[in-house]
């Protein structure tokens, strides 16, 4: 019986080791291999229906939990991937080897997470999934998963971006293969932060800046992303500009603005500096790291206190005064042509309406349903901005006796200086 018992232990021991390895696995890259298998199959036919079927069966249907979460978060599907493969052949050909080389960096990524645990022993486990995305995100998080779009995250100055938009071109030219480990630590930090997004711009930049700052501590490598390089050369002017805007909810000048800004994501730089200042003033560095990571970004008072304690701004901060200054910089709707707002006898034959602004506007527009919802939304299309960009023309489709409303919002309507429009509600009735 003793020999049988020892034999049973001997046989089970390797199984226990394997189970432990599975439990502690951090990085998953299998989605990348499956994507390129599907990609090669797509290349065998010009029939888009067959191409979509290859992507669906070989990539989407076999997705890891991470890829499934990424598809949900960024609205990815087989149709989109098929379109992108056919539209950007030079790009996909040039990025393939970079994505496949991620496997070589798995030990470094795993090691960096262990270094993170040493700095922050309270670290909760999370898993990293490297996938091929749809050119919309280099990385994001959901629950306890880090989701990486390798087609963006591994691109660099040697990637052929000639077919892509200016935002991606700018991102790629400033990326280096060595950035990958820091990017993943950055995203891993996000899995440790308190859930929920802060409404204040200040909260949002500290959220991102904290992830950058902790990643730099973990990797011990200086962050040389484009926004950091530009920020270091323009810190004082950025600091003064941010002071006026930080208590607003307007992110357009600071975050996620790469599609229309040559100097994008400067909020990361500001947030990094605030966290660095907080860390520098704290006597207990390990406690400082804990407080940076565990800050409740949805708590306005905590975020404001964090800024004050950082000492990044030396003078007093008057929130209400700063909000007044910010509001003065916002463009306004000066009126409508014809002026139908509040009217109850608008002609049903009216087919065009102009929104007139207090100053020339930048790119983009945004109009939402009013209180009446879709059933009371009168806009059938847009004609766009006038040449001086002080008016924007809408197309209308009206019915006699009906009431209409809509909201001209601050989501994309911005001045040329980047300040968001003061929202404006339109309500009228057709005679």
Protein backbone atom coordinates (compact mmCIF):
# COMPACT_ATOMS: atom_id res chain seq x y z
CA UNK A 1 0.00 0.00 0.00
CA UNK A 2 2.88 2.34 0.82
CA UNK A 3 4.41 1.82 -2.66
CA UNK A 4 1.03 2.36 -4.33
CA UNK A 5 0.54 5.58 -2.32
CA UNK A 6 3.97 6.92 -3.31
CA UNK A 7 3.33 5.99 -6.94
CA UNK A 8 0.05 7.91 -6.86
CA UNK A 9 1.84 11.00 -5.51
CA UNK A 10 4.54 10.65 -8.18
CA UNK A 11 1.96 10.43 -10.96
CA UNK A 12 -0.10 13.34 -9.65
CA UNK A 13 2.85 15.68 -9.00
CA UNK A 14 3.45 16.63 -12.66
CA UNK A 15 -0.29 17.27 -13.05
CA UNK A 16 -0.23 19.60 -10.08
CA UNK A 17 2.70 21.49 -11.57
CA UNK A 18 0.86 21.87 -14.87
CA UNK A 19 -2.26 23.07 -13.11
CA UNK A 20 -0.25 25.65 -11.19
CA UNK A 21 1.35 26.90 -14.40
CA UNK A 22 -2.05 27.29 -16.02
CA UNK A 23 -3.35 29.23 -13.02
CA UNK A 24 -0.42 31.64 -13.07
CA UNK A 25 -0.27 32.25 -16.80
CA UNK A 26 -0.39 35.99 -17.48
CA UNK A 27 0.18 36.54 -21.21
CA UNK A 28 -1.86 35.00 -24.04
CA UNK A 29 -0.82 35.37 -27.69
CA UNK A 30 -2.72 32.59 -29.47
CA UNK A 31 -5.18 35.01 -31.11
CA UNK A 32 -2.33 36.45 -33.18
CA UNK A 33 -1.48 33.08 -34.72
CA UNK A 34 -5.12 32.44 -35.53
CA UNK A 35 -5.52 35.83 -37.17
CA UNK A 36 -2.64 35.24 -39.58
CA UNK A 37 -3.97 31.78 -40.38
CA UNK A 38 -7.29 33.40 -41.30
CA UNK A 39 -5.45 36.18 -43.17
CA UNK A 40 -3.63 33.65 -45.36
CA UNK A 41 -6.92 31.95 -46.12
CA UNK A 42 -8.50 35.29 -47.08
CA UNK A 43 -5.71 35.77 -49.62
CA UNK A 44 -6.78 32.62 -51.50
CA UNK A 45 -10.01 34.17 -52.81
CA UNK A 46 -11.46 37.49 -53.96
CA UNK A 47 -14.97 36.49 -52.92
CA UNK A 48 -15.72 38.73 -49.90
CA UNK A 49 -18.37 36.34 -48.58
CA UNK A 50 -15.80 33.54 -48.47
CA UNK A 51 -13.23 35.91 -46.96
CA UNK A 52 -15.63 36.83 -44.16
CA UNK A 53 -16.33 33.16 -43.57
CA UNK A 54 -12.60 32.47 -43.15
CA UNK A 55 -12.26 35.29 -40.61
CA UNK A 56 -15.35 34.15 -38.76
CA UNK A 57 -14.46 30.44 -38.57
CA UNK A 58 -10.70 30.66 -38.12
CA UNK A 59 -10.43 33.77 -35.94
CA UNK A 60 -13.68 34.98 -34.40
CA UNK A 61 -15.23 31.61 -33.55
CA UNK A 62 -11.99 30.46 -31.89
CA UNK A 63 -11.42 33.68 -29.96
CA UNK A 64 -9.93 33.73 -26.48
CA UNK A 65 -11.94 35.45 -23.72
CA UNK A 66 -9.70 38.47 -24.31
CA UNK A 67 -10.48 38.76 -28.01
CA UNK A 68 -14.18 38.32 -27.26
CA UNK A 69 -13.99 41.19 -24.77
CA UNK A 70 -12.03 43.34 -27.25
CA UNK A 71 -14.61 42.72 -29.98
CA UNK A 72 -17.36 43.81 -27.62
CA UNK A 73 -15.47 46.88 -26.39
CA UNK A 74 -14.49 48.14 -29.85
CA UNK A 75 -17.32 46.73 -31.97
CA UNK A 76 -15.04 44.45 -34.01
CA UNK A 77 -16.45 41.74 -36.30
CA UNK A 78 -15.53 39.56 -39.30
CA UNK A 79 -16.93 42.10 -41.75
CA UNK A 80 -14.69 44.87 -40.41
CA UNK A 81 -11.54 42.74 -40.51
CA UNK A 82 -12.30 41.64 -44.06
CA UNK A 83 -12.73 45.26 -45.13
CA UNK A 84 -9.49 46.35 -43.46
CA UNK A 85 -7.47 43.49 -44.94
CA UNK A 86 -8.62 44.40 -48.45
CA UNK A 87 -8.27 48.14 -47.93
CA UNK A 88 -4.75 48.24 -46.43
CA UNK A 89 -2.67 45.45 -48.03
CA UNK A 90 0.68 47.23 -47.56
CA UNK A 91 0.06 47.80 -43.89
CA UNK A 92 -0.88 44.21 -43.08
CA UNK A 93 2.10 42.85 -44.97
CA UNK A 94 4.48 45.14 -43.08
CA UNK A 95 3.07 44.57 -39.58
CA UNK A 96 2.96 40.78 -39.59
CA UNK A 97 6.48 40.05 -38.35
CA UNK A 98 6.16 42.65 -35.57
CA UNK A 99 3.04 41.02 -34.17
CA UNK A 100 4.53 37.54 -34.31
CA UNK A 101 7.62 38.74 -32.42
CA UNK A 102 5.51 39.44 -29.32
CA UNK A 103 6.12 35.88 -28.16
CA UNK A 104 9.78 36.79 -27.71
CA UNK A 105 8.81 39.54 -25.26
CA UNK A 106 6.51 37.42 -23.10
CA UNK A 107 9.27 36.69 -20.52
CA UNK A 108 10.06 40.42 -20.21
CA UNK A 109 6.37 41.28 -19.84
CA UNK A 110 5.89 38.58 -17.20
CA UNK A 111 8.97 39.79 -15.35
CA UNK A 112 7.69 43.39 -15.41
CA UNK A 113 4.46 42.32 -13.73
CA UNK A 114 6.44 40.62 -10.99
CA UNK A 115 8.39 43.87 -10.54
CA UNK A 116 5.07 45.69 -10.31
CA UNK A 117 3.99 43.31 -7.54
CA UNK A 118 7.14 44.19 -5.56
CA UNK A 119 6.26 47.89 -5.76
CA UNK A 120 2.58 47.26 -5.06
CA UNK A 121 2.09 44.05 -3.04
CA UNK A 122 -1.70 44.53 -3.10
CA UNK A 123 -1.69 43.95 -6.87
CA UNK A 124 -4.63 41.88 -8.05
CA UNK A 125 -3.96 39.26 -10.76
CA UNK A 126 -5.00 40.10 -14.31
CA UNK A 127 -4.47 38.48 -17.69
CA UNK A 128 -3.00 40.03 -20.84
CA UNK A 129 -4.43 39.12 -24.20
CA UNK A 130 -2.53 40.07 -27.35
CA UNK A 131 -4.91 40.15 -30.28
CA UNK A 132 -5.14 41.64 -33.76
CA UNK A 133 -7.70 44.41 -33.55
CA UNK A 134 -9.42 46.61 -36.10
CA UNK A 135 -7.09 49.63 -36.01
CA UNK A 136 -9.14 51.41 -33.36
CA UNK A 137 -7.19 50.78 -30.17
CA UNK A 138 -3.67 49.87 -29.15
CA UNK A 139 -4.80 48.80 -25.71
CA UNK A 140 -7.62 48.92 -23.21
CA UNK A 141 -8.84 47.06 -20.15
CA UNK A 142 -12.02 45.39 -19.02
CA UNK A 143 -12.48 43.89 -15.57
CA UNK A 144 -9.32 41.81 -14.92
CA UNK A 145 -8.12 41.67 -18.54
CA UNK A 146 -5.61 43.75 -20.46
CA UNK A 147 -6.58 43.79 -24.14
CA UNK A 148 -3.88 44.71 -26.63
CA UNK A 149 -4.38 45.46 -30.30
CA UNK A 150 -1.03 44.21 -31.54
CA UNK A 151 -1.47 45.69 -35.02
CA UNK A 152 -1.18 49.15 -33.41
CA UNK A 153 0.91 48.36 -30.33
CA UNK A 154 3.78 46.77 -32.27
CA UNK A 155 3.88 49.22 -35.19
CA UNK A 156 6.90 51.51 -35.52
CA UNK A 157 8.56 53.92 -37.94
CA UNK A 158 9.35 51.05 -40.32
CA UNK A 159 5.70 50.01 -40.60
CA UNK A 160 4.12 50.96 -43.92
CA UNK A 161 1.40 53.40 -42.86
CA UNK A 162 1.03 55.06 -46.27
CA UNK A 163 -2.57 53.81 -46.59
CA UNK A 164 -3.62 54.88 -43.08
CA UNK A 165 -4.89 58.10 -41.48
CA UNK A 166 -2.67 60.81 -40.01
CA UNK A 167 -3.33 59.77 -36.42
CA UNK A 168 -1.95 56.27 -36.98
CA UNK A 169 0.99 57.59 -38.99
CA UNK A 170 1.90 59.88 -36.10
CA UNK A 171 1.52 57.10 -33.53
CA UNK A 172 3.66 54.66 -35.49
CA UNK A 173 6.55 56.99 -36.22
CA UNK A 174 7.10 57.62 -32.50
CA UNK A 175 6.81 54.01 -31.33
CA UNK A 176 9.69 51.66 -30.70
CA UNK A 177 9.64 47.91 -30.03
CA UNK A 178 10.96 48.64 -26.54
CA UNK A 179 7.73 50.54 -25.75
CA UNK A 180 5.72 47.33 -25.69
CA UNK A 181 6.57 46.25 -22.14
CA UNK A 182 5.80 49.72 -20.75
CA UNK A 183 2.51 49.82 -22.69
CA UNK A 184 1.42 46.59 -21.08
CA UNK A 185 2.40 47.69 -17.58
CA UNK A 186 0.42 50.90 -18.24
CA UNK A 187 -2.67 48.89 -19.11
CA UNK A 188 -2.08 46.50 -16.21
CA UNK A 189 -2.09 49.47 -13.82
CA UNK A 190 -5.54 50.37 -15.15
CA UNK A 191 -6.85 46.99 -13.98
CA UNK A 192 -5.79 47.95 -10.44
CA UNK A 193 -7.39 51.39 -10.37
CA UNK A 194 -10.84 51.93 -8.89
CA UNK A 195 -13.66 51.25 -11.33
CA UNK A 196 -15.56 54.06 -12.99
CA UNK A 197 -14.41 57.08 -14.97
CA UNK A 198 -14.08 60.46 -13.33
CA UNK A 199 -16.12 63.21 -14.96
CA UNK A 200 -13.54 65.93 -14.44
CA UNK A 201 -10.79 66.35 -17.00
CA UNK A 202 -8.43 66.47 -14.01
CA UNK A 203 -9.52 62.98 -12.90
CA UNK A 204 -9.14 61.54 -16.38
CA UNK A 205 -5.62 62.87 -16.98
CA UNK A 206 -4.45 61.62 -13.57
CA UNK A 207 -5.94 58.20 -14.38
CA UNK A 208 -3.78 57.98 -17.51
CA UNK A 209 -0.76 59.78 -16.08
CA UNK A 210 -0.71 57.45 -13.07
CA UNK A 211 -0.49 54.42 -15.36
CA UNK A 212 2.40 56.02 -17.25
CA UNK A 213 4.21 57.02 -14.06
CA UNK A 214 3.91 53.60 -12.42
CA UNK A 215 4.99 51.91 -15.68
CA UNK A 216 8.14 54.02 -15.67
CA UNK A 217 8.89 53.02 -12.07
CA UNK A 218 8.38 49.36 -12.93
CA UNK A 219 10.42 49.27 -16.13
CA UNK A 220 13.01 51.83 -14.99
CA UNK A 221 12.96 53.23 -18.51
CA UNK A 222 12.16 56.81 -19.39
CA UNK A 223 8.87 57.34 -21.22
CA UNK A 224 9.69 58.79 -24.63
CA UNK A 225 6.28 58.72 -26.26
CA UNK A 226 5.56 61.68 -28.56
CA UNK A 227 3.37 63.45 -26.00
CA UNK A 228 6.12 63.24 -23.37
CA UNK A 229 8.77 64.63 -25.70
CA UNK A 230 6.57 67.53 -26.80
CA UNK A 231 5.35 68.13 -23.25
CA UNK A 232 8.84 68.45 -21.79
CA UNK A 233 9.56 71.24 -24.26
CA UNK A 234 6.28 73.09 -23.61
CA UNK A 235 5.50 72.31 -19.97
CA UNK A 236 4.82 75.82 -18.69
CA UNK A 237 2.35 76.77 -21.41
CA UNK A 238 0.58 73.40 -21.07
CA UNK A 239 0.45 73.82 -17.31
CA UNK A 240 -1.22 77.24 -17.60
CA UNK A 241 -3.70 76.06 -20.24
CA UNK A 242 -4.62 72.94 -18.28
CA UNK A 243 -5.23 74.96 -15.10
CA UNK A 244 -8.17 76.74 -16.78
CA UNK A 245 -9.68 73.58 -18.27
CA UNK A 246 -9.10 70.94 -15.60
CA UNK A 247 -12.43 71.28 -13.76
CA UNK A 248 -14.43 70.95 -16.95
CA UNK A 249 -15.40 67.63 -18.49
CA UNK A 250 -13.93 68.58 -21.86
CA UNK A 251 -11.19 66.17 -22.95
CA UNK A 252 -10.85 67.31 -26.58
CA UNK A 253 -7.64 69.27 -26.11
CA UNK A 254 -5.97 66.68 -23.91
CA UNK A 255 -7.02 63.05 -24.37
CA UNK A 256 -7.83 60.58 -27.15
CA UNK A 257 -7.58 63.33 -29.78
CA UNK A 258 -5.05 61.83 -32.17
CA UNK A 259 -7.30 61.90 -35.23
CA UNK A 260 -7.26 65.69 -35.51
CA UNK A 261 -4.28 66.90 -33.51
CA UNK A 262 -0.54 66.75 -34.35
CA UNK A 263 0.25 66.89 -30.61
CA UNK A 264 -2.22 64.39 -29.21
CA UNK A 265 -2.79 63.03 -25.70
CA UNK A 266 -0.91 65.75 -23.84
CA UNK A 267 -3.13 65.03 -20.86
CA UNK A 268 -1.03 61.91 -20.27
CA UNK A 269 1.99 64.20 -19.85
CA UNK A 270 0.19 66.51 -17.40
CA UNK A 271 -1.21 63.59 -15.40
CA UNK A 272 2.23 61.97 -15.28
CA UNK A 273 3.75 65.19 -13.91
CA UNK A 274 1.09 65.53 -11.22
CA UNK A 275 1.74 61.94 -10.07
CA UNK A 276 5.49 62.44 -10.21
CA UNK A 277 5.15 65.58 -8.04
CA UNK A 278 2.92 63.70 -5.57
CA UNK A 279 5.44 60.86 -5.36
CA UNK A 280 8.31 63.31 -4.93
CA UNK A 281 6.64 65.09 -2.00
CA UNK A 282 5.72 61.86 -0.19
CA UNK A 283 8.12 60.64 2.49
CA UNK A 284 6.97 57.00 2.14
CA UNK A 285 7.45 56.07 -1.52
CA UNK A 286 5.72 52.70 -1.27
CA UNK A 287 2.71 54.34 0.35
CA UNK A 288 2.74 57.01 -2.37
CA UNK A 289 2.50 54.29 -5.05
CA UNK A 290 -0.43 52.73 -3.21
CA UNK A 291 -2.23 56.07 -2.95
CA UNK A 292 -1.64 56.91 -6.62
CA UNK A 293 -3.06 53.57 -7.74
CA UNK A 294 -5.97 53.48 -5.30
CA UNK A 295 -7.16 57.07 -5.76
CA UNK A 296 -10.93 57.16 -6.32
CA UNK A 297 -11.16 59.03 -9.62
CA UNK A 298 -14.94 59.33 -9.30
CA UNK A 299 -14.57 61.29 -6.05
CA UNK A 300 -14.07 64.93 -7.01
CA UNK A 301 -12.85 65.95 -3.56
CA UNK A 302 -10.25 63.17 -3.43
CA UNK A 303 -8.96 64.09 -6.88
CA UNK A 304 -8.76 67.80 -5.99
CA UNK A 305 -6.98 67.02 -2.71
CA UNK A 306 -4.53 64.78 -4.57
CA UNK A 307 -3.67 67.67 -6.91
CA UNK A 308 -3.21 70.07 -3.98
CA UNK A 309 -1.00 67.61 -2.08
CA UNK A 310 1.14 67.05 -5.17
CA UNK A 311 2.24 70.68 -5.11
CA UNK A 312 2.23 70.74 -8.91
CA UNK A 313 0.50 74.11 -8.77
CA UNK A 314 1.97 76.30 -6.04
CA UNK A 315 -0.75 78.99 -5.87
CA UNK A 316 -4.34 78.73 -4.60
CA UNK A 317 -6.85 76.98 -6.85
CA UNK A 318 -10.34 78.48 -7.08
CA UNK A 319 -12.54 76.00 -8.94
CA UNK A 320 -15.46 78.37 -9.56
CA UNK A 321 -13.21 81.11 -10.86
CA UNK A 322 -11.47 78.69 -13.20
CA UNK A 323 -14.81 77.40 -14.51
CA UNK A 324 -15.88 80.98 -15.26
CA UNK A 325 -12.67 81.54 -17.25
CA UNK A 326 -13.24 78.31 -19.14
CA UNK A 327 -16.83 79.19 -19.99
CA UNK A 328 -15.72 82.54 -21.44
CA UNK A 329 -13.50 80.64 -23.88
CA UNK A 330 -16.31 78.40 -25.13
CA UNK A 331 -17.97 79.22 -28.44
CA UNK A 332 -21.74 79.75 -28.46
CA UNK A 333 -24.67 79.36 -30.80
CA UNK A 334 -25.39 82.95 -31.84
CA UNK A 335 -28.73 82.05 -33.40
CA UNK A 336 -30.49 80.13 -36.18
CA UNK A 337 -31.39 81.10 -39.74
CA UNK A 338 -34.33 81.23 -39.98
CA UNK A 339 -34.85 81.81 -36.26
CA UNK A 340 -37.30 79.02 -35.43
CA UNK A 341 -36.32 78.19 -31.86
CA UNK A 342 -39.36 78.47 -29.60
CA UNK A 343 -41.69 79.18 -32.52
CA UNK A 344 -45.05 77.41 -32.92
CA UNK A 345 -45.83 78.28 -36.54
CA UNK A 346 -42.82 77.00 -38.52
CA UNK A 347 -43.60 76.31 -42.18
CA UNK A 348 -43.68 72.60 -43.14
CA UNK A 349 -41.91 73.55 -46.39
CA UNK A 350 -38.73 74.58 -44.54
CA UNK A 351 -35.97 72.22 -45.70
CA UNK A 352 -32.76 73.93 -44.53
CA UNK A 353 -31.61 75.44 -41.25
CA UNK A 354 -28.34 77.22 -40.43
CA UNK A 355 -26.70 77.14 -37.00
CA UNK A 356 -24.72 80.37 -36.51
CA UNK A 357 -21.76 80.45 -34.13
CA UNK A 358 -20.04 83.21 -32.18
CA UNK A 359 -16.68 82.37 -33.77
CA UNK A 360 -15.19 80.13 -36.50
CA UNK A 361 -15.43 76.45 -35.62
CA UNK A 362 -12.99 73.59 -36.04
CA UNK A 363 -13.60 70.14 -37.50
CA UNK A 364 -16.43 67.89 -36.40
CA UNK A 365 -20.07 68.27 -35.50
CA UNK A 366 -22.45 66.58 -33.05
CA UNK A 367 -26.23 66.74 -32.74
CA UNK A 368 -28.31 64.57 -30.39
CA UNK A 369 -31.97 63.75 -29.93
CA UNK A 370 -33.91 66.10 -27.68
CA UNK A 371 -36.46 65.15 -25.02
CA UNK A 372 -38.84 63.84 -27.69
CA UNK A 373 -36.30 61.29 -28.91
CA UNK A 374 -36.04 59.92 -32.43
CA UNK A 375 -39.76 60.46 -33.17
CA UNK A 376 -39.35 64.23 -32.80
CA UNK A 377 -35.98 64.62 -34.52
CA UNK A 378 -36.34 66.80 -37.66
CA UNK A 379 -32.88 66.47 -39.22
CA UNK A 380 -32.63 64.43 -42.42
CA UNK A 381 -29.02 65.28 -43.30
CA UNK A 382 -26.23 67.86 -43.15
CA UNK A 383 -24.89 70.27 -45.76
CA UNK A 384 -21.87 71.19 -43.62
CA UNK A 385 -19.98 74.34 -42.69
CA UNK A 386 -19.95 77.57 -44.66
CA UNK A 387 -16.56 78.74 -45.94
CA UNK A 388 -15.96 81.04 -42.94
CA UNK A 389 -16.89 78.13 -40.60
CA UNK A 390 -19.24 80.38 -38.62
CA UNK A 391 -22.37 78.57 -39.78
CA UNK A 392 -23.37 74.93 -40.17
CA UNK A 393 -26.29 73.95 -42.42
CA UNK A 394 -28.76 71.19 -41.66
CA UNK A 395 -31.37 69.54 -43.88
CA UNK A 396 -34.88 69.20 -42.44
CA UNK A 397 -37.90 66.99 -43.14
CA UNK A 398 -40.95 68.42 -41.38
CA UNK A 399 -44.58 67.32 -40.98
CA UNK A 400 -47.51 69.66 -40.36
CA UNK A 401 -48.65 69.98 -36.75
CA UNK A 402 -45.69 68.10 -35.31
CA UNK A 403 -43.36 69.25 -32.50
CA UNK A 404 -39.60 68.83 -32.92
CA UNK A 405 -36.52 69.19 -30.74
CA UNK A 406 -32.80 68.42 -30.84
CA UNK A 407 -29.60 69.40 -29.03
CA UNK A 408 -26.51 70.93 -30.61
CA UNK A 409 -23.87 69.39 -28.35
CA UNK A 410 -20.29 69.91 -27.24
CA UNK A 411 -19.16 66.39 -28.16
CA UNK A 412 -17.62 67.38 -31.49
CA UNK A 413 -18.58 71.01 -32.09
CA UNK A 414 -15.46 72.90 -31.01
CA UNK A 415 -13.84 76.23 -31.75
CA UNK A 416 -10.65 76.34 -33.79
CA UNK A 417 -8.82 76.75 -30.49
CA UNK A 418 -10.31 73.44 -29.35
CA UNK A 419 -12.85 74.66 -26.81
CA UNK A 420 -16.19 72.81 -26.77
CA UNK A 421 -19.43 74.53 -27.69
CA UNK A 422 -21.90 75.46 -24.99
CA UNK A 423 -24.77 73.03 -25.69
CA UNK A 424 -27.85 74.56 -27.27
CA UNK A 425 -31.36 73.08 -27.37
CA UNK A 426 -33.72 73.73 -30.28
CA UNK A 427 -37.49 73.25 -29.85
CA UNK A 428 -40.26 74.27 -32.26
CA UNK A 429 -43.66 73.32 -33.66
CA UNK A 430 -44.74 73.13 -37.29
CA UNK A 431 -48.00 74.88 -38.18
